[in-house]
Amino acid sequence: MSFRDKTSKLLDSAFSVFGEKNKIQYRPKSGGTFTIRGIFDETWEEVDPETFAVVSSTQPNVGIKSSELDFTPESGDEVEIMNILYRVIDIQEDGQGADTLFLHKVE
């Protein structure tokens, strides 16, 4: 089994345990609606690799498995999580098969 296959199985387990029970509705700018799995978080922490300082934010984000979508997520796409609509403002790939989508609540 390749490293990518092992990572995929690990992501599947994480999404089964920590993922949203009600699926996420993903709406790309190009149209359509796709039901995906993801792990939603309204806060996150990041460590600055140069200073090792912890930077905290209350910016909502959702982690998704890259293979959940047949296309690349883009800024401006929308996701609905727990009946709240968010717009994707940034995407960060982890290089191991997952993406973190940073979100802004649509009012």
Protein backbone atom coordinates (compact mmCIF):
# COMPACT_ATOMS: atom_id res chain seq x y z
CA MET A 1 0.00 0.00 0.00
CA SER A 2 1.42 3.38 -1.01
CA PHE A 3 1.83 6.33 1.34
CA ARG A 4 -0.95 8.16 -0.54
CA ASP A 5 -3.29 5.17 0.01
CA LYS A 6 -2.46 5.11 3.72
CA THR A 7 -3.09 8.85 3.98
CA SER A 8 -6.42 8.44 2.19
CA LYS A 9 -7.53 5.76 4.67
CA LEU A 10 -6.45 7.96 7.59
CA LEU A 11 -8.44 10.89 6.20
CA ASP A 12 -11.50 8.65 5.76
CA SER A 13 -11.26 7.64 9.43
CA ALA A 14 -10.85 11.25 10.58
CA PHE A 15 -13.84 12.42 8.55
CA SER A 16 -15.96 9.55 9.90
CA VAL A 17 -15.19 10.51 13.50
CA PHE A 18 -14.80 14.31 13.39
CA GLY A 19 -16.72 15.25 10.24
CA GLU A 20 -20.03 17.05 10.15
CA LYS A 21 -22.90 14.63 10.70
CA ASN A 22 -25.04 16.61 8.26
CA LYS A 23 -23.19 16.71 4.99
CA ILE A 24 -21.81 19.95 3.62
CA GLN A 25 -23.32 21.46 0.48
CA TYR A 26 -20.58 22.74 -1.83
CA ARG A 27 -21.57 25.23 -4.54
CA PRO A 28 -18.84 26.15 -7.02
CA LYS A 29 -19.06 29.49 -8.85
CA SER A 30 -19.48 27.54 -12.08
CA GLY A 31 -22.81 26.13 -10.84
CA GLY A 32 -24.23 22.99 -9.33
CA THR A 33 -24.40 21.67 -5.77
CA PHE A 34 -22.30 18.82 -4.40
CA THR A 35 -22.69 17.04 -1.08
CA ILE A 36 -19.31 16.47 0.59
CA ARG A 37 -17.83 15.45 3.93
CA GLY A 38 -15.67 17.79 5.95
CA ILE A 39 -14.42 18.78 9.37
CA PHE A 40 -15.71 22.24 10.30
CA ASP A 41 -13.94 24.48 12.77
CA GLU A 42 -14.81 28.03 13.71
CA THR A 43 -11.40 28.67 15.27
CA TRP A 44 -7.89 27.61 14.41
CA GLU A 45 -4.33 28.03 15.60
CA GLU A 46 -1.16 28.24 13.61
CA VAL A 47 2.44 28.31 14.79
CA ASP A 48 4.79 30.77 13.11
CA PRO A 49 7.76 28.60 12.01
CA GLU A 50 10.24 31.44 12.53
CA THR A 51 9.18 32.67 15.97
CA PHE A 52 7.20 29.62 17.17
CA ALA A 53 4.51 32.05 18.32
CA VAL A 54 0.96 30.72 18.29
CA VAL A 55 -1.37 32.78 16.14
CA SER A 56 -5.07 32.23 16.82
CA SER A 57 -8.02 33.24 14.69
CA THR A 58 -11.77 32.89 14.81
CA GLN A 59 -11.97 32.51 11.04
CA PRO A 60 -14.18 29.54 10.18
CA ASN A 61 -12.67 26.84 8.01
CA VAL A 62 -13.49 23.37 6.79
CA GLY A 63 -11.08 20.56 6.03
CA ILE A 64 -12.04 18.41 3.08
CA LYS A 65 -10.57 15.43 1.31
CA SER A 66 -9.37 16.66 -2.10
CA SER A 67 -10.90 13.67 -3.86
CA GLU A 68 -14.39 14.62 -2.59
CA LEU A 69 -14.59 17.06 -5.51
CA ASP A 70 -14.01 16.39 -9.21
CA PHE A 71 -12.65 19.93 -9.56
CA THR A 72 -10.31 22.28 -7.73
CA PRO A 73 -12.00 24.50 -5.12
CA GLU A 74 -11.74 28.23 -5.83
CA SER A 75 -12.12 31.45 -3.89
CA GLY A 76 -15.68 32.64 -4.33
CA ASP A 77 -17.22 29.16 -4.18
CA GLU A 78 -19.83 28.73 -1.46
CA VAL A 79 -20.45 26.07 1.17
CA GLU A 80 -23.46 25.55 3.41
CA ILE A 81 -22.69 24.08 6.80
CA MET A 82 -25.38 23.61 9.47
CA ASN A 83 -27.74 25.86 7.46
CA ILE A 84 -25.22 28.73 7.40
CA LEU A 85 -23.84 29.94 4.08
CA TYR A 86 -20.11 30.68 3.77
CA ARG A 87 -17.96 31.91 0.91
CA VAL A 88 -14.54 30.34 0.30
CA ILE A 89 -11.88 33.05 0.57
CA ASP A 90 -8.70 30.97 0.60
CA ILE A 91 -7.66 27.37 -0.05
CA GLN A 92 -4.59 25.72 1.43
CA GLU A 93 -3.56 22.27 0.20
CA ASP A 94 -1.63 20.05 2.59
CA GLY A 95 0.02 18.00 -0.16
CA GLN A 96 -1.30 14.75 1.35
CA GLY A 97 -4.81 14.69 -0.09
CA ALA A 98 -6.63 17.28 2.02
CA ASP A 99 -7.52 20.94 1.60
CA THR A 100 -8.40 23.55 4.20
CA LEU A 101 -10.98 26.02 2.94
CA PHE A 102 -10.97 29.31 4.83
CA LEU A 103 -14.46 30.77 4.93
CA HIS A 104 -16.33 34.02 5.38
CA LYS A 105 -19.92 33.98 6.58
CA VAL A 106 -22.35 35.35 3.95
CA GLU A 107 -24.79 37.74 5.63
